[in-house]
Amino acid sequence: GVWGSAANDVWAVGQAGVVLHWDGGVWSAVPSGTTRELTSVWGTGSGDAWAVGWGGTALHWDGVQWSPVTSGTTESLTGVWASAPDDVWVVGGSGSILRWNGAAWFGLATSGGLQAVWGSGPRDVWFVGNGGAVLHWDGASVAPVASGSATALTAVTGTGPKDAWAVGSAGLLHWDGARWADTIGGEWLNLSGAFAWDSSTVWVVGSNGAVYRYRP
């Protein structure tokens, strides 16, 4: 996973608990305190970031060091996203959704494995996963939303409540505020990551070194 708050503050996490930091000039290893694989990282600023991974691992960066925070689960955690220091969402491979309120984690049980989470704000959060699963938090509850896909969705990104993207093993889906639609399907296989800079510039990566840039 990779995330940054600025051009001189970027985090990357990976296997065996590796955490790297980019300061604008060089990448440096930063002690994580774990040897578990880390799958995702996100934060709200240079002094507030989260990394999650296998075995229920959850780590918090306070601007000085990474420290473990008990997540209350032992399942593999696959994605993290935050809108504020007291509003952090995490998803797990067995379908769990965890939320950090600034003091503790609490869980929302779902069915099916989830792979990624992203939101445009505290009342607009998307969760995607296996079998084309898409769930949405509207500030009051988490509810399923039809995606039109039956294949695994591995990443979600966007720019606002009416512009979100999900990618997976068989295509690129777009949310326009009313429904999810298959924008470019079939021939785009095994997509694994996506980032939307704005509504007209979306980057997608996948198997065999594939890098795509979407333009309307």
N, C-alpha and C. Protein backbone atom coordinates (compact mmCIF):
# COMPACT_ATOMS: atom_id res chain seq x y z
N GLY A 1 0.83 -1.20 0.00
CA GLY A 1 0.00 0.00 0.00
C GLY A 1 0.86 1.25 0.00
N VAL A 2 0.31 2.34 -0.50
CA VAL A 2 1.03 3.62 -0.53
C VAL A 2 0.05 4.75 -0.31
N TRP A 3 0.51 5.77 0.43
CA TRP A 3 -0.32 6.96 0.69
C TRP A 3 0.60 8.10 1.09
N GLY A 4 0.20 9.32 0.76
CA GLY A 4 0.98 10.47 1.16
C GLY A 4 0.11 11.67 1.47
N SER A 5 0.63 12.53 2.36
CA SER A 5 -0.08 13.76 2.70
C SER A 5 0.46 14.95 1.93
N ALA A 6 1.67 14.80 1.36
CA ALA A 6 2.31 15.88 0.62
C ALA A 6 3.43 15.29 -0.22
N ALA A 7 4.02 16.12 -1.09
CA ALA A 7 5.08 15.65 -1.97
C ALA A 7 6.32 15.19 -1.20
N ASN A 8 6.46 15.65 0.04
CA ASN A 8 7.61 15.25 0.86
C ASN A 8 7.20 14.40 2.06
N ASP A 9 6.03 13.76 1.97
CA ASP A 9 5.54 12.91 3.07
C ASP A 9 4.71 11.78 2.49
N VAL A 10 5.39 10.70 2.08
CA VAL A 10 4.74 9.56 1.45
C VAL A 10 5.16 8.29 2.18
N TRP A 11 4.18 7.43 2.46
CA TRP A 11 4.42 6.15 3.13
C TRP A 11 4.14 5.00 2.18
N ALA A 12 4.98 3.96 2.27
CA ALA A 12 4.75 2.71 1.55
C ALA A 12 4.93 1.56 2.53
N VAL A 13 4.04 0.57 2.46
CA VAL A 13 4.09 -0.58 3.37
C VAL A 13 4.03 -1.86 2.57
N GLY A 14 4.55 -2.97 3.16
CA GLY A 14 4.54 -4.23 2.44
C GLY A 14 4.88 -5.43 3.28
N GLN A 15 5.55 -6.39 2.66
CA GLN A 15 5.81 -7.68 3.29
C GLN A 15 6.76 -7.55 4.48
N ALA A 16 6.60 -8.49 5.41
CA ALA A 16 7.46 -8.61 6.59
C ALA A 16 7.49 -7.34 7.43
N GLY A 17 6.39 -6.58 7.41
CA GLY A 17 6.30 -5.39 8.24
C GLY A 17 7.10 -4.21 7.74
N VAL A 18 7.53 -4.25 6.48
CA VAL A 18 8.34 -3.16 5.93
C VAL A 18 7.51 -1.88 5.84
N VAL A 19 8.09 -0.78 6.34
CA VAL A 19 7.51 0.55 6.20
C VAL A 19 8.60 1.48 5.69
N LEU A 20 8.32 2.16 4.58
CA LEU A 20 9.25 3.11 4.00
C LEU A 20 8.63 4.50 3.99
N HIS A 21 9.47 5.52 4.12
CA HIS A 21 9.00 6.90 4.09
C HIS A 21 9.81 7.72 3.08
N TRP A 22 9.08 8.51 2.29
CA TRP A 22 9.69 9.43 1.31
C TRP A 22 9.61 10.85 1.85
N ASP A 23 10.77 11.51 1.95
CA ASP A 23 10.81 12.86 2.50
C ASP A 23 10.99 13.93 1.44
N GLY A 24 10.81 13.54 0.18
CA GLY A 24 10.99 14.47 -0.92
C GLY A 24 12.32 14.29 -1.62
N GLY A 25 13.23 13.55 -0.96
CA GLY A 25 14.54 13.32 -1.56
C GLY A 25 14.95 11.86 -1.62
N VAL A 26 14.68 11.13 -0.54
CA VAL A 26 15.07 9.72 -0.47
C VAL A 26 14.00 8.91 0.25
N TRP A 27 13.99 7.59 -0.03
CA TRP A 27 13.19 6.64 0.72
C TRP A 27 14.02 6.12 1.89
N SER A 28 13.42 6.03 3.06
CA SER A 28 14.10 5.51 4.25
C SER A 28 13.22 4.49 4.95
N ALA A 29 13.84 3.45 5.48
CA ALA A 29 13.11 2.45 6.26
C ALA A 29 12.80 3.02 7.64
N VAL A 30 11.57 2.79 8.11
CA VAL A 30 11.13 3.24 9.43
C VAL A 30 10.67 2.01 10.21
N PRO A 31 11.14 1.82 11.44
CA PRO A 31 10.73 0.63 12.22
C PRO A 31 9.21 0.59 12.41
N SER A 32 8.64 -0.59 12.16
CA SER A 32 7.20 -0.75 12.32
C SER A 32 6.84 -1.52 13.59
N GLY A 33 7.80 -2.30 14.10
CA GLY A 33 7.52 -3.10 15.28
C GLY A 33 6.81 -4.39 15.00
N THR A 34 6.65 -4.76 13.71
CA THR A 34 5.97 -6.00 13.36
C THR A 34 6.67 -6.65 12.19
N THR A 35 6.51 -7.97 12.07
CA THR A 35 6.98 -8.69 10.89
C THR A 35 5.81 -9.20 10.05
N ARG A 36 4.61 -8.82 10.46
CA ARG A 36 3.41 -9.19 9.69
C ARG A 36 3.38 -8.42 8.37
N GLU A 37 2.80 -9.04 7.35
CA GLU A 37 2.64 -8.33 6.09
C GLU A 37 1.64 -7.19 6.26
N LEU A 38 2.02 -6.01 5.78
CA LEU A 38 1.15 -4.83 5.81
C LEU A 38 0.57 -4.61 4.42
N THR A 39 -0.73 -4.41 4.36
CA THR A 39 -1.43 -4.39 3.08
C THR A 39 -1.91 -3.01 2.64
N SER A 40 -2.07 -2.08 3.59
CA SER A 40 -2.67 -0.80 3.24
C SER A 40 -2.24 0.26 4.23
N VAL A 41 -2.16 1.52 3.76
CA VAL A 41 -1.79 2.64 4.63
C VAL A 41 -2.60 3.86 4.20
N TRP A 42 -3.01 4.66 5.20
CA TRP A 42 -3.76 5.89 4.92
C TRP A 42 -3.66 6.79 6.14
N GLY A 43 -3.86 8.08 5.96
CA GLY A 43 -3.81 8.99 7.09
C GLY A 43 -4.51 10.29 6.80
N THR A 44 -4.34 11.24 7.71
CA THR A 44 -4.97 12.55 7.55
C THR A 44 -3.96 13.68 7.55
N GLY A 45 -2.69 13.35 7.83
CA GLY A 45 -1.66 14.38 7.85
C GLY A 45 -0.33 13.79 8.26
N SER A 46 0.69 14.64 8.35
CA SER A 46 2.04 14.17 8.63
C SER A 46 2.18 13.54 10.01
N GLY A 47 1.27 13.83 10.92
CA GLY A 47 1.34 13.28 12.27
C GLY A 47 0.24 12.30 12.59
N ASP A 48 -0.44 11.78 11.55
CA ASP A 48 -1.54 10.86 11.79
C ASP A 48 -1.71 9.94 10.59
N ALA A 49 -1.26 8.68 10.73
CA ALA A 49 -1.40 7.70 9.67
C ALA A 49 -1.64 6.32 10.28
N TRP A 50 -2.29 5.46 9.50
CA TRP A 50 -2.60 4.10 9.92
C TRP A 50 -2.10 3.11 8.88
N ALA A 51 -1.59 1.96 9.35
CA ALA A 51 -1.23 0.85 8.47
C ALA A 51 -1.88 -0.41 9.03
N VAL A 52 -2.40 -1.26 8.14
CA VAL A 52 -3.06 -2.50 8.58
C VAL A 52 -2.51 -3.67 7.79
N GLY A 53 -2.75 -4.89 8.32
CA GLY A 53 -2.24 -6.05 7.62
C GLY A 53 -2.72 -7.37 8.19
N TRP A 54 -1.93 -8.38 8.00
CA TRP A 54 -2.30 -9.74 8.37
C TRP A 54 -2.44 -9.87 9.89
N GLY A 55 -3.27 -10.86 10.26
CA GLY A 55 -3.43 -11.18 11.66
C GLY A 55 -4.07 -10.09 12.49
N GLY A 56 -4.85 -9.24 11.85
CA GLY A 56 -5.51 -8.15 12.58
C GLY A 56 -4.58 -7.01 12.95
N THR A 57 -3.41 -6.94 12.30
CA THR A 57 -2.43 -5.91 12.63
C THR A 57 -2.95 -4.51 12.29
N ALA A 58 -2.86 -3.61 13.26
CA ALA A 58 -3.18 -2.19 13.06
C ALA A 58 -2.10 -1.37 13.75
N LEU A 59 -1.47 -0.48 12.98
CA LEU A 59 -0.41 0.37 13.49
C LEU A 59 -0.79 1.84 13.30
N HIS A 60 -0.37 2.68 14.25
CA HIS A 60 -0.66 4.10 14.15
C HIS A 60 0.63 4.91 14.21
N TRP A 61 0.73 5.90 13.32
CA TRP A 61 1.85 6.84 13.29
C TRP A 61 1.42 8.15 13.91
N ASP A 62 2.15 8.61 14.93
CA ASP A 62 1.79 9.83 15.64
C ASP A 62 2.70 11.00 15.33
N GLY A 63 3.53 10.84 14.29
CA GLY A 63 4.48 11.87 13.92
C GLY A 63 5.87 11.57 14.41
N VAL A 64 6.00 10.60 15.33
CA VAL A 64 7.30 10.23 15.89
C VAL A 64 7.61 8.76 15.64
N GLN A 65 6.63 7.88 15.88
CA GLN A 65 6.86 6.46 15.74
C GLN A 65 5.57 5.72 15.39
N TRP A 66 5.74 4.49 14.87
CA TRP A 66 4.62 3.59 14.64
C TRP A 66 4.38 2.75 15.90
N SER A 67 3.13 2.64 16.32
CA SER A 67 2.79 1.88 17.52
C SER A 67 1.61 0.96 17.23
N PRO A 68 1.59 -0.26 17.81
CA PRO A 68 0.47 -1.17 17.60
C PRO A 68 -0.78 -0.69 18.35
N VAL A 69 -1.92 -0.89 17.72
CA VAL A 69 -3.21 -0.61 18.34
C VAL A 69 -4.07 -1.86 18.18
N THR A 70 -4.58 -2.37 19.27
CA THR A 70 -5.38 -3.60 19.21
C THR A 70 -6.63 -3.39 18.37
N SER A 71 -6.80 -4.23 17.35
CA SER A 71 -7.94 -4.10 16.45
C SER A 71 -9.14 -4.92 16.90
N GLY A 72 -8.91 -5.92 17.77
CA GLY A 72 -10.00 -6.77 18.22
C GLY A 72 -10.32 -7.91 17.29
N THR A 73 -9.47 -8.14 16.27
CA THR A 73 -9.67 -9.25 15.35
C THR A 73 -8.33 -9.85 14.99
N THR A 74 -8.35 -11.11 14.54
CA THR A 74 -7.13 -11.77 14.08
C THR A 74 -7.18 -12.04 12.58
N GLU A 75 -8.24 -11.60 11.93
CA GLU A 75 -8.33 -11.83 10.49
C GLU A 75 -7.43 -10.85 9.74
N SER A 76 -7.15 -11.16 8.50
CA SER A 76 -6.32 -10.29 7.68
C SER A 76 -7.08 -9.02 7.34
N LEU A 77 -6.44 -7.88 7.59
CA LEU A 77 -7.03 -6.59 7.26
C LEU A 77 -6.45 -6.12 5.94
N THR A 78 -7.32 -5.69 5.03
CA THR A 78 -6.90 -5.48 3.64
C THR A 78 -6.97 -4.03 3.17
N GLY A 79 -7.65 -3.17 3.91
CA GLY A 79 -7.75 -1.79 3.47
C GLY A 79 -8.03 -0.85 4.61
N VAL A 80 -7.54 0.39 4.51
CA VAL A 80 -7.80 1.41 5.52
C VAL A 80 -8.00 2.75 4.83
N TRP A 81 -8.90 3.56 5.39
CA TRP A 81 -9.17 4.91 4.89
C TRP A 81 -9.63 5.76 6.05
N ALA A 82 -9.27 7.03 6.06
CA ALA A 82 -9.63 7.92 7.16
C ALA A 82 -10.05 9.29 6.64
N SER A 83 -11.07 9.87 7.28
CA SER A 83 -11.47 11.24 6.96
C SER A 83 -10.98 12.22 8.02
N ALA A 84 -10.66 11.67 9.21
CA ALA A 84 -10.21 12.48 10.35
C ALA A 84 -9.53 11.57 11.35
N PRO A 85 -8.76 12.11 12.30
CA PRO A 85 -8.11 11.26 13.30
C PRO A 85 -9.08 10.40 14.11
N ASP A 86 -10.33 10.83 14.23
CA ASP A 86 -11.33 10.06 14.97
C ASP A 86 -12.38 9.44 14.06
N ASP A 87 -12.03 9.24 12.79
CA ASP A 87 -12.95 8.60 11.84
C ASP A 87 -12.13 7.79 10.85
N VAL A 88 -11.79 6.55 11.25
CA VAL A 88 -10.94 5.67 10.46
C VAL A 88 -11.69 4.38 10.18
N TRP A 89 -11.67 3.95 8.93
CA TRP A 89 -12.37 2.72 8.52
C TRP A 89 -11.36 1.69 8.04
N VAL A 90 -11.60 0.42 8.42
CA VAL A 90 -10.75 -0.69 8.01
C VAL A 90 -11.64 -1.85 7.56
N VAL A 91 -11.21 -2.55 6.51
CA VAL A 91 -11.95 -3.73 6.06
C VAL A 91 -11.06 -4.96 6.15
N GLY A 92 -11.73 -6.13 6.26
CA GLY A 92 -11.02 -7.38 6.41
C GLY A 92 -11.42 -8.42 5.39
N GLY A 93 -10.52 -9.39 5.19
CA GLY A 93 -10.73 -10.41 4.19
C GLY A 93 -11.88 -11.35 4.47
N SER A 94 -12.36 -11.37 5.71
CA SER A 94 -13.51 -12.22 6.03
C SER A 94 -14.82 -11.43 6.06
N GLY A 95 -14.76 -10.17 5.66
CA GLY A 95 -15.97 -9.37 5.57
C GLY A 95 -16.17 -8.36 6.67
N SER A 96 -15.24 -8.28 7.61
CA SER A 96 -15.41 -7.34 8.72
C SER A 96 -15.19 -5.89 8.28
N ILE A 97 -15.92 -5.00 8.91
CA ILE A 97 -15.69 -3.56 8.78
C ILE A 97 -15.45 -3.03 10.19
N LEU A 98 -14.32 -2.37 10.39
CA LEU A 98 -13.98 -1.78 11.67
C LEU A 98 -13.93 -0.27 11.54
N ARG A 99 -14.34 0.42 12.63
CA ARG A 99 -14.29 1.88 12.63
C ARG A 99 -13.62 2.36 13.92
N TRP A 100 -12.67 3.29 13.77
CA TRP A 100 -11.96 3.89 14.90
C TRP A 100 -12.58 5.25 15.21
N ASN A 101 -12.97 5.46 16.46
CA ASN A 101 -13.63 6.71 16.83
C ASN A 101 -12.73 7.67 17.60
N GLY A 102 -11.43 7.36 17.58
CA GLY A 102 -10.48 8.19 18.28
C GLY A 102 -10.02 7.60 19.59
N ALA A 103 -10.76 6.59 20.07
CA ALA A 103 -10.42 5.95 21.34
C ALA A 103 -10.41 4.43 21.25
N ALA A 104 -11.28 3.87 20.41
CA ALA A 104 -11.40 2.42 20.31
C ALA A 104 -11.98 2.03 18.96
N TRP A 105 -11.80 0.74 18.60
CA TRP A 105 -12.39 0.19 17.39
C TRP A 105 -13.73 -0.44 17.72
N PHE A 106 -14.68 -0.32 16.82
CA PHE A 106 -15.89 -1.14 16.92
C PHE A 106 -16.21 -1.69 15.55
N GLY A 107 -16.89 -2.84 15.52
CA GLY A 107 -17.06 -3.58 14.28
C GLY A 107 -18.47 -3.63 13.76
N LEU A 108 -18.57 -3.79 12.45
CA LEU A 108 -19.83 -4.03 11.76
C LEU A 108 -19.66 -5.31 10.96
N ALA A 109 -20.47 -6.31 11.24
CA ALA A 109 -20.34 -7.61 10.58
C ALA A 109 -21.02 -7.59 9.21
N THR A 110 -20.35 -8.14 8.22
CA THR A 110 -20.92 -8.30 6.89
C THR A 110 -20.60 -9.70 6.40
N SER A 111 -21.13 -10.06 5.25
CA SER A 111 -20.83 -11.36 4.67
C SER A 111 -19.92 -11.17 3.46
N GLY A 112 -19.01 -12.11 3.27
CA GLY A 112 -18.11 -12.04 2.13
C GLY A 112 -16.88 -11.21 2.41
N GLY A 113 -15.78 -11.56 1.75
CA GLY A 113 -14.53 -10.84 1.96
C GLY A 113 -14.53 -9.46 1.34
N LEU A 114 -13.98 -8.50 2.04
CA LEU A 114 -13.83 -7.14 1.53
C LEU A 114 -12.35 -6.85 1.29
N GLN A 115 -12.06 -6.06 0.27
CA GLN A 115 -10.68 -5.83 -0.14
C GLN A 115 -10.21 -4.38 0.03
N ALA A 116 -11.13 -3.43 -0.08
CA ALA A 116 -10.68 -2.04 -0.08
C ALA A 116 -11.78 -1.11 0.40
N VAL A 117 -11.36 0.08 0.85
CA VAL A 117 -12.29 1.10 1.35
C VAL A 117 -11.79 2.47 0.92
N TRP A 118 -12.72 3.35 0.59
CA TRP A 118 -12.39 4.73 0.24
C TRP A 118 -13.65 5.58 0.46
N GLY A 119 -13.46 6.83 0.80
CA GLY A 119 -14.59 7.73 0.95
C GLY A 119 -14.25 9.14 0.52
N SER A 120 -15.27 9.93 0.27
CA SER A 120 -15.07 11.35 -0.06
C SER A 120 -15.29 12.23 1.16
N GLY A 121 -15.82 11.62 2.25
CA GLY A 121 -16.11 12.37 3.46
C GLY A 121 -16.70 11.45 4.51
N PRO A 122 -16.96 11.94 5.70
CA PRO A 122 -17.44 11.09 6.80
C PRO A 122 -18.81 10.47 6.56
N ARG A 123 -19.57 10.97 5.60
CA ARG A 123 -20.90 10.40 5.31
C ARG A 123 -20.98 9.83 3.90
N ASP A 124 -19.82 9.50 3.34
CA ASP A 124 -19.80 8.90 2.00
C ASP A 124 -18.58 7.99 1.89
N VAL A 125 -18.76 6.72 2.30
CA VAL A 125 -17.66 5.76 2.32
C VAL A 125 -18.08 4.50 1.57
N TRP A 126 -17.18 4.03 0.69
CA TRP A 126 -17.44 2.83 -0.11
C TRP A 126 -16.53 1.69 0.33
N PHE A 127 -17.08 0.46 0.29
CA PHE A 127 -16.35 -0.76 0.60
C PHE A 127 -16.57 -1.72 -0.56
N VAL A 128 -15.51 -2.35 -1.05
CA VAL A 128 -15.64 -3.28 -2.18
C VAL A 128 -14.91 -4.58 -1.85
N GLY A 129 -15.32 -5.67 -2.54
CA GLY A 129 -14.69 -6.95 -2.25
C GLY A 129 -15.08 -8.06 -3.19
N ASN A 130 -15.05 -9.28 -2.66
CA ASN A 130 -15.24 -10.48 -3.47
C ASN A 130 -16.65 -10.56 -4.04
N GLY A 131 -16.75 -11.21 -5.19
CA GLY A 131 -18.04 -11.43 -5.82
C GLY A 131 -18.75 -10.18 -6.25
N GLY A 132 -17.99 -9.11 -6.50
CA GLY A 132 -18.60 -7.85 -6.92
C GLY A 132 -19.28 -7.08 -5.80
N ALA A 133 -18.96 -7.45 -4.55
CA ALA A 133 -19.61 -6.81 -3.40
C ALA A 133 -19.28 -5.32 -3.32
N VAL A 134 -20.30 -4.50 -3.14
CA VAL A 134 -20.15 -3.07 -2.91
C VAL A 134 -21.09 -2.67 -1.78
N LEU A 135 -20.54 -2.03 -0.75
CA LEU A 135 -21.32 -1.53 0.38
C LEU A 135 -21.08 -0.04 0.52
N HIS A 136 -22.05 0.68 1.07
CA HIS A 136 -21.93 2.13 1.21
C HIS A 136 -22.37 2.59 2.59
N TRP A 137 -21.56 3.49 3.19
CA TRP A 137 -21.89 4.14 4.45
C TRP A 137 -22.38 5.54 4.14
N ASP A 138 -23.58 5.90 4.61
CA ASP A 138 -24.16 7.21 4.32
C ASP A 138 -24.19 8.13 5.55
N GLY A 139 -23.47 7.71 6.58
CA GLY A 139 -23.45 8.48 7.81
C GLY A 139 -24.35 7.90 8.88
N ALA A 140 -25.23 6.98 8.48
CA ALA A 140 -26.14 6.35 9.43
C ALA A 140 -26.02 4.85 9.46
N SER A 141 -25.81 4.22 8.30
CA SER A 141 -25.75 2.77 8.23
C SER A 141 -24.96 2.34 7.00
N VAL A 142 -24.53 1.08 7.04
CA VAL A 142 -23.85 0.47 5.90
C VAL A 142 -24.85 -0.42 5.17
N ALA A 143 -24.99 -0.22 3.87
CA ALA A 143 -25.96 -0.99 3.10
C ALA A 143 -25.34 -1.43 1.78
N PRO A 144 -25.75 -2.63 1.27
CA PRO A 144 -25.24 -3.08 -0.03
C PRO A 144 -25.80 -2.24 -1.17
N VAL A 145 -24.99 -2.09 -2.21
CA VAL A 145 -25.39 -1.38 -3.42
C VAL A 145 -25.06 -2.29 -4.60
N ALA A 146 -25.99 -2.46 -5.53
CA ALA A 146 -25.76 -3.33 -6.68
C ALA A 146 -24.62 -2.79 -7.53
N SER A 147 -23.66 -3.66 -7.85
CA SER A 147 -22.52 -3.24 -8.67
C SER A 147 -22.65 -3.70 -10.12
N GLY A 148 -23.48 -4.71 -10.36
CA GLY A 148 -23.59 -5.26 -11.70
C GLY A 148 -22.46 -6.20 -12.05
N SER A 149 -21.59 -6.47 -11.07
CA SER A 149 -20.45 -7.35 -11.30
C SER A 149 -20.52 -8.53 -10.35
N ALA A 150 -20.01 -9.68 -10.81
CA ALA A 150 -19.95 -10.86 -9.97
C ALA A 150 -18.51 -11.27 -9.69
N THR A 151 -17.56 -10.48 -10.15
CA THR A 151 -16.14 -10.79 -9.96
C THR A 151 -15.55 -9.90 -8.88
N ALA A 152 -14.41 -10.31 -8.36
CA ALA A 152 -13.79 -9.62 -7.24
C ALA A 152 -13.42 -8.19 -7.59
N LEU A 153 -13.70 -7.28 -6.65
CA LEU A 153 -13.29 -5.88 -6.76
C LEU A 153 -12.19 -5.65 -5.74
N THR A 154 -11.06 -5.11 -6.18
CA THR A 154 -9.86 -5.06 -5.34
C THR A 154 -9.46 -3.66 -4.92
N ALA A 155 -10.02 -2.62 -5.53
CA ALA A 155 -9.65 -1.25 -5.17
C ALA A 155 -10.80 -0.32 -5.48
N VAL A 156 -10.86 0.78 -4.72
CA VAL A 156 -11.90 1.79 -4.94
C VAL A 156 -11.29 3.16 -4.69
N THR A 157 -11.68 4.13 -5.50
CA THR A 157 -11.18 5.49 -5.40
C THR A 157 -12.24 6.43 -5.94
N GLY A 158 -11.99 7.72 -5.91
CA GLY A 158 -12.96 8.67 -6.43
C GLY A 158 -12.59 10.10 -6.11
N THR A 159 -13.50 11.01 -6.43
CA THR A 159 -13.27 12.44 -6.17
C THR A 159 -14.42 13.10 -5.42
N GLY A 160 -15.57 12.40 -5.31
CA GLY A 160 -16.71 13.00 -4.64
C GLY A 160 -17.89 12.06 -4.59
N PRO A 161 -19.01 12.49 -4.00
CA PRO A 161 -20.19 11.63 -3.86
C PRO A 161 -20.78 11.13 -5.17
N LYS A 162 -20.51 11.84 -6.27
CA LYS A 162 -21.05 11.44 -7.58
C LYS A 162 -19.97 10.97 -8.53
N ASP A 163 -18.81 10.61 -8.00
CA ASP A 163 -17.72 10.18 -8.88
C ASP A 163 -16.81 9.23 -8.11
N ALA A 164 -17.06 7.92 -8.26
CA ALA A 164 -16.23 6.90 -7.63
C ALA A 164 -15.93 5.81 -8.65
N TRP A 165 -14.81 5.14 -8.44
CA TRP A 165 -14.35 4.09 -9.35
C TRP A 165 -13.97 2.85 -8.56
N ALA A 166 -14.28 1.68 -9.11
CA ALA A 166 -13.87 0.41 -8.52
C ALA A 166 -13.27 -0.46 -9.61
N VAL A 167 -12.16 -1.12 -9.30
CA VAL A 167 -11.53 -2.00 -10.28
C VAL A 167 -11.40 -3.39 -9.69
N GLY A 168 -11.22 -4.36 -10.59
CA GLY A 168 -11.10 -5.73 -10.14
C GLY A 168 -10.61 -6.65 -11.20
N SER A 169 -11.00 -7.93 -11.10
CA SER A 169 -10.46 -8.95 -11.98
C SER A 169 -11.04 -8.91 -13.39
N ALA A 170 -12.07 -8.10 -13.61
CA ALA A 170 -12.68 -8.09 -14.95
C ALA A 170 -13.22 -6.74 -15.35
N GLY A 171 -12.57 -5.65 -14.94
CA GLY A 171 -13.03 -4.38 -15.48
C GLY A 171 -12.95 -3.20 -14.55
N LEU A 172 -13.52 -2.11 -15.03
CA LEU A 172 -13.51 -0.82 -14.35
C LEU A 172 -14.94 -0.33 -14.22
N LEU A 173 -15.40 -0.14 -12.98
CA LEU A 173 -16.76 0.31 -12.71
C LEU A 173 -16.76 1.76 -12.27
N HIS A 174 -17.82 2.49 -12.65
CA HIS A 174 -17.93 3.90 -12.27
C HIS A 174 -19.27 4.18 -11.59
N TRP A 175 -19.22 4.97 -10.51
CA TRP A 175 -20.41 5.42 -9.80
C TRP A 175 -20.66 6.88 -10.16
N ASP A 176 -21.87 7.18 -10.65
CA ASP A 176 -22.19 8.54 -11.08
C ASP A 176 -23.13 9.26 -10.12
N GLY A 177 -23.33 8.68 -8.94
CA GLY A 177 -24.24 9.25 -7.97
C GLY A 177 -25.57 8.54 -7.92
N ALA A 178 -25.83 7.72 -8.94
CA ALA A 178 -27.10 6.99 -9.02
C ALA A 178 -26.90 5.49 -9.14
N ARG A 179 -25.88 5.06 -9.88
CA ARG A 179 -25.67 3.63 -10.08
C ARG A 179 -24.23 3.36 -10.48
N TRP A 180 -23.83 2.10 -10.29
CA TRP A 180 -22.54 1.62 -10.77
C TRP A 180 -22.71 1.07 -12.18
N ALA A 181 -21.79 1.41 -13.08
CA ALA A 181 -21.85 0.92 -14.45
C ALA A 181 -20.47 0.46 -14.90
N ASP A 182 -20.45 -0.58 -15.74
CA ASP A 182 -19.21 -1.11 -16.28
C ASP A 182 -18.73 -0.16 -17.38
N THR A 183 -17.69 0.61 -17.08
CA THR A 183 -17.20 1.60 -18.04
C THR A 183 -16.37 0.95 -19.13
N ILE A 184 -15.37 0.18 -18.73
CA ILE A 184 -14.54 -0.55 -19.67
C ILE A 184 -14.31 -1.91 -19.06
N GLY A 185 -14.89 -2.95 -19.64
CA GLY A 185 -14.86 -4.26 -19.01
C GLY A 185 -13.99 -5.26 -19.72
N GLY A 186 -14.44 -6.52 -19.60
CA GLY A 186 -13.89 -7.66 -20.30
C GLY A 186 -12.41 -7.71 -20.58
N GLU A 187 -11.98 -6.88 -21.53
CA GLU A 187 -10.60 -6.99 -21.98
C GLU A 187 -9.59 -6.51 -20.95
N TRP A 188 -10.05 -5.79 -19.91
CA TRP A 188 -9.16 -5.32 -18.85
C TRP A 188 -9.24 -6.33 -17.71
N LEU A 189 -8.27 -7.21 -17.63
CA LEU A 189 -8.32 -8.26 -16.63
C LEU A 189 -7.31 -8.02 -15.52
N ASN A 190 -7.68 -8.49 -14.30
CA ASN A 190 -6.77 -8.48 -13.16
C ASN A 190 -6.23 -7.09 -12.83
N LEU A 191 -7.14 -6.14 -12.69
CA LEU A 191 -6.77 -4.82 -12.22
C LEU A 191 -6.70 -4.84 -10.70
N SER A 192 -5.72 -4.14 -10.14
CA SER A 192 -5.50 -4.28 -8.70
C SER A 192 -5.43 -2.96 -7.94
N GLY A 193 -5.27 -1.84 -8.62
CA GLY A 193 -5.17 -0.57 -7.92
C GLY A 193 -5.67 0.58 -8.76
N ALA A 194 -6.15 1.64 -8.11
CA ALA A 194 -6.67 2.79 -8.84
C ALA A 194 -6.52 4.06 -8.02
N PHE A 195 -6.33 5.18 -8.70
CA PHE A 195 -6.27 6.48 -8.05
C PHE A 195 -6.89 7.52 -8.96
N ALA A 196 -7.86 8.28 -8.44
CA ALA A 196 -8.51 9.34 -9.21
C ALA A 196 -7.96 10.69 -8.77
N TRP A 197 -7.33 11.38 -9.70
CA TRP A 197 -6.82 12.72 -9.41
C TRP A 197 -7.94 13.73 -9.49
N ASP A 198 -8.77 13.60 -10.53
CA ASP A 198 -9.99 14.39 -10.68
C ASP A 198 -10.93 13.57 -11.53
N SER A 199 -12.09 14.13 -11.87
CA SER A 199 -13.12 13.35 -12.57
C SER A 199 -12.72 12.95 -13.98
N SER A 200 -11.66 13.55 -14.51
CA SER A 200 -11.25 13.23 -15.87
C SER A 200 -9.87 12.57 -15.94
N THR A 201 -9.24 12.32 -14.80
CA THR A 201 -7.93 11.68 -14.79
C THR A 201 -7.90 10.60 -13.73
N VAL A 202 -7.95 9.35 -14.18
CA VAL A 202 -7.94 8.20 -13.27
C VAL A 202 -6.83 7.25 -13.72
N TRP A 203 -5.99 6.85 -12.78
CA TRP A 203 -4.91 5.91 -13.05
C TRP A 203 -5.28 4.53 -12.51
N VAL A 204 -4.99 3.49 -13.32
CA VAL A 204 -5.31 2.11 -12.95
C VAL A 204 -4.10 1.24 -13.25
N VAL A 205 -3.80 0.31 -12.33
CA VAL A 205 -2.69 -0.62 -12.55
C VAL A 205 -3.18 -2.04 -12.39
N GLY A 206 -2.42 -2.99 -12.98
CA GLY A 206 -2.83 -4.37 -12.92
C GLY A 206 -1.71 -5.34 -13.23
N SER A 207 -2.10 -6.57 -13.59
CA SER A 207 -1.15 -7.64 -13.83
C SER A 207 -0.25 -7.35 -15.02
N ASN A 208 0.92 -7.99 -15.03
CA ASN A 208 1.87 -7.91 -16.13
C ASN A 208 2.36 -6.48 -16.38
N GLY A 209 2.44 -5.69 -15.32
CA GLY A 209 2.96 -4.33 -15.45
C GLY A 209 2.02 -3.35 -16.11
N ALA A 210 0.73 -3.68 -16.20
CA ALA A 210 -0.22 -2.82 -16.89
C ALA A 210 -0.45 -1.52 -16.14
N VAL A 211 -0.37 -0.40 -16.87
CA VAL A 211 -0.73 0.91 -16.33
C VAL A 211 -1.63 1.59 -17.34
N TYR A 212 -2.82 2.01 -16.87
CA TYR A 212 -3.78 2.67 -17.73
C TYR A 212 -4.11 4.06 -17.19
N ARG A 213 -4.37 4.97 -18.10
CA ARG A 213 -4.89 6.28 -17.71
C ARG A 213 -6.23 6.48 -18.40
N TYR A 214 -7.26 6.72 -17.58
CA TYR A 214 -8.60 6.93 -18.14
C TYR A 214 -8.85 8.42 -18.36
N ARG A 215 -9.38 8.73 -19.54
CA ARG A 215 -9.87 10.07 -19.82
C ARG A 215 -11.25 9.94 -20.44
N PRO A 216 -12.18 10.83 -20.12
CA PRO A 216 -13.54 10.73 -20.67
C PRO A 216 -13.53 10.72 -22.20
